[in-house]
Amino acid sequence: MANIGSFKKSGNDYQGAIQTLSVQQKNVRLVAEEASDNENAPTHRVLAGQVEIGAAWAKVSREEREYLSVKLDDPSFAVPIYANLVAAEDGKTFNLIWSRPNGSSGS
């Protein structure tokens, strides 16, 4: 697992930055969507500046902790990036945690 981002919550939205070897974005927002009748619809859109780079879905862990399941994608990515936005220990910040899906070799 790797922390690839740090965010602060403002209402139902999140503001922060994402940094990997190939992505350095300081103005990233996860903006809450209007409630939808479609249970598979994302609860948030991920924006870098004014460009949509992904979506997120509200989830609850087995330990009853709320988090966002995030999918980032861009034409420059070989494959989408999947991560979870989880509360940090301080309870005030949120970390975007990435881990390679099971069965992926990474090559």
Protein backbone atom coordinates (compact mmCIF):
# COMPACT_ATOMS: atom_id res chain seq x y z
CA MET A 1 0.00 0.00 0.00
CA ALA A 2 1.17 3.50 -0.77
CA ASN A 3 -0.17 6.89 0.23
CA ILE A 4 -0.48 8.81 -3.04
CA GLY A 5 -2.56 11.74 -1.83
CA SER A 6 -3.63 13.89 1.08
CA PHE A 7 -7.01 15.62 1.36
CA LYS A 8 -9.12 17.75 3.70
CA LYS A 9 -12.89 17.50 3.87
CA SER A 10 -15.14 20.50 3.29
CA GLY A 11 -18.82 19.62 3.63
CA ASN A 12 -19.30 16.59 1.38
CA ASP A 13 -16.33 17.49 -0.84
CA TYR A 14 -12.58 16.89 -0.48
CA GLN A 15 -9.65 19.08 -1.58
CA GLY A 16 -6.04 18.01 -1.80
CA ALA A 17 -3.17 16.72 -3.91
CA ILE A 18 -2.07 13.51 -5.61
CA GLN A 19 1.58 12.67 -6.12
CA THR A 20 3.13 9.60 -7.75
CA LEU A 21 6.20 9.22 -9.95
CA SER A 22 4.12 10.18 -13.00
CA VAL A 23 1.29 12.30 -11.48
CA GLN A 24 1.81 15.54 -9.57
CA GLN A 25 -1.49 17.36 -9.10
CA LYS A 26 -1.90 19.96 -6.35
CA ASN A 27 -5.46 21.10 -7.08
CA VAL A 28 -7.51 17.90 -6.88
CA ARG A 29 -11.12 17.93 -5.73
CA LEU A 30 -13.58 15.14 -5.05
CA VAL A 31 -16.92 16.84 -5.60
CA ALA A 32 -20.12 15.24 -4.28
CA GLU A 33 -22.72 14.33 -6.88
CA GLU A 34 -26.47 14.75 -6.54
CA ALA A 35 -28.17 11.64 -5.11
CA SER A 36 -29.05 9.15 -7.85
CA ASP A 37 -31.62 6.38 -8.20
CA ASN A 38 -28.85 4.30 -9.82
CA GLU A 39 -27.12 2.43 -6.98
CA ASN A 40 -23.98 2.03 -9.15
CA ALA A 41 -23.61 5.76 -9.86
CA PRO A 42 -20.54 7.45 -8.37
CA THR A 43 -21.08 9.60 -5.30
CA HIS A 44 -18.19 11.94 -6.23
CA ARG A 45 -16.41 13.20 -9.35
CA VAL A 46 -12.64 13.65 -9.21
CA LEU A 47 -11.38 16.87 -10.77
CA ALA A 48 -7.83 18.12 -11.40
CA GLY A 49 -8.42 21.81 -11.95
CA GLN A 50 -11.41 21.79 -14.31
CA VAL A 51 -10.62 18.38 -15.87
CA GLU A 52 -12.50 15.28 -14.69
CA ILE A 53 -9.96 12.52 -14.00
CA GLY A 54 -12.08 9.98 -12.17
CA ALA A 55 -14.96 9.04 -9.93
CA ALA A 56 -15.49 7.75 -6.40
CA TRP A 57 -18.08 5.63 -4.63
CA ALA A 58 -19.00 5.82 -0.92
CA LYS A 59 -18.38 2.48 0.83
CA VAL A 60 -18.33 1.06 4.36
CA SER A 61 -15.60 -1.35 5.49
CA ARG A 62 -16.14 -4.57 7.42
CA GLU A 63 -15.03 -2.58 10.47
CA GLU A 64 -17.90 -0.12 9.80
CA ARG A 65 -15.56 2.69 8.67
CA GLU A 66 -16.70 4.92 5.83
CA TYR A 67 -14.34 5.49 2.90
CA LEU A 68 -14.38 6.36 -0.80
CA SER A 69 -13.39 3.84 -3.46
CA VAL A 70 -11.65 5.96 -6.12
CA LYS A 71 -10.93 5.26 -9.79
CA LEU A 72 -8.54 7.66 -11.53
CA ASP A 73 -8.07 7.54 -15.28
CA ASP A 74 -6.42 9.66 -17.93
CA PRO A 75 -5.32 9.01 -21.52
CA SER A 76 -1.70 9.20 -20.32
CA PHE A 77 -2.20 6.25 -17.91
CA ALA A 78 -1.45 2.73 -19.14
CA VAL A 79 -4.25 1.47 -16.86
CA PRO A 80 -6.63 3.18 -14.40
CA ILE A 81 -5.47 3.78 -10.83
CA TYR A 82 -7.69 2.33 -8.09
CA ALA A 83 -7.34 3.66 -4.54
CA ASN A 84 -9.27 4.27 -1.33
CA LEU A 85 -9.71 7.62 0.39
CA VAL A 86 -9.60 6.90 4.14
CA ALA A 87 -9.52 9.01 7.28
CA ALA A 88 -6.04 9.49 8.74
CA GLU A 89 -5.36 8.84 12.42
CA ASP A 90 -5.79 12.55 13.24
CA GLY A 91 -9.38 12.39 11.96
CA LYS A 92 -8.92 15.71 10.13
CA THR A 93 -7.12 14.61 7.00
CA PHE A 94 -7.78 11.85 4.50
CA ASN A 95 -5.19 9.73 2.71
CA LEU A 96 -5.53 8.32 -0.78
CA ILE A 97 -4.15 4.79 -0.43
CA TRP A 98 -3.20 2.79 -3.52
CA SER A 99 -2.43 -0.91 -3.66
CA ARG A 100 -1.90 -3.16 -6.65
CA PRO A 101 -4.96 -5.35 -7.34
CA ASN A 102 -4.52 -9.07 -6.56
CA GLY A 103 -3.18 -11.03 -9.46
CA SER A 104 -1.48 -8.04 -11.13
CA SER A 105 2.20 -8.40 -11.82
CA GLY A 106 2.74 -4.71 -12.42
CA SER A 107 4.66 -5.32 -15.63
